[in-house]
Amino acid sequence: MNEAEFNQIVDELMFGIEETIDDSGVDIDYENSGGMLTLTCDLNGSQIILSRQPSMAEIWLAAKSGGFHFKLQEDDGETRWSNTVSGELLSAMLTEACQLQSSESIQFSF
């Protein structure tokens, strides 16, 4: 995958995250700028940041629970963003981070 393909995939992912937030009605604001998607929890102002790292073909997640790196992995014909250490899915870890920091229930599935 070249950098342009990586950026297209990440753009679609971040747009999907924005749509999920909009559709859920949770009190989480977002700003997409300079390759970073910043989620701000209205309850306490805490932030969750997703940033693209094209040179490594990774997405980095920064939350109160820590910093995590994700790589696009193919498993049984499906591509998923998996934690480079634990193998956990980005969708699950982002769901958990939002619930912990905003005290609201939201489910990401990508």
Foldseek 3Di string as FASTA:
>chain_A
DALVVLVVVVVVVLVLVVVQCVVVPAQWDWDDPDQKIWIAAPVPRFIWIWGADSVVSWIWIQAPVGIWIWHWDADPNDTFTATPPPRDGPQVVVQVRCCVVRVDGTGGDD
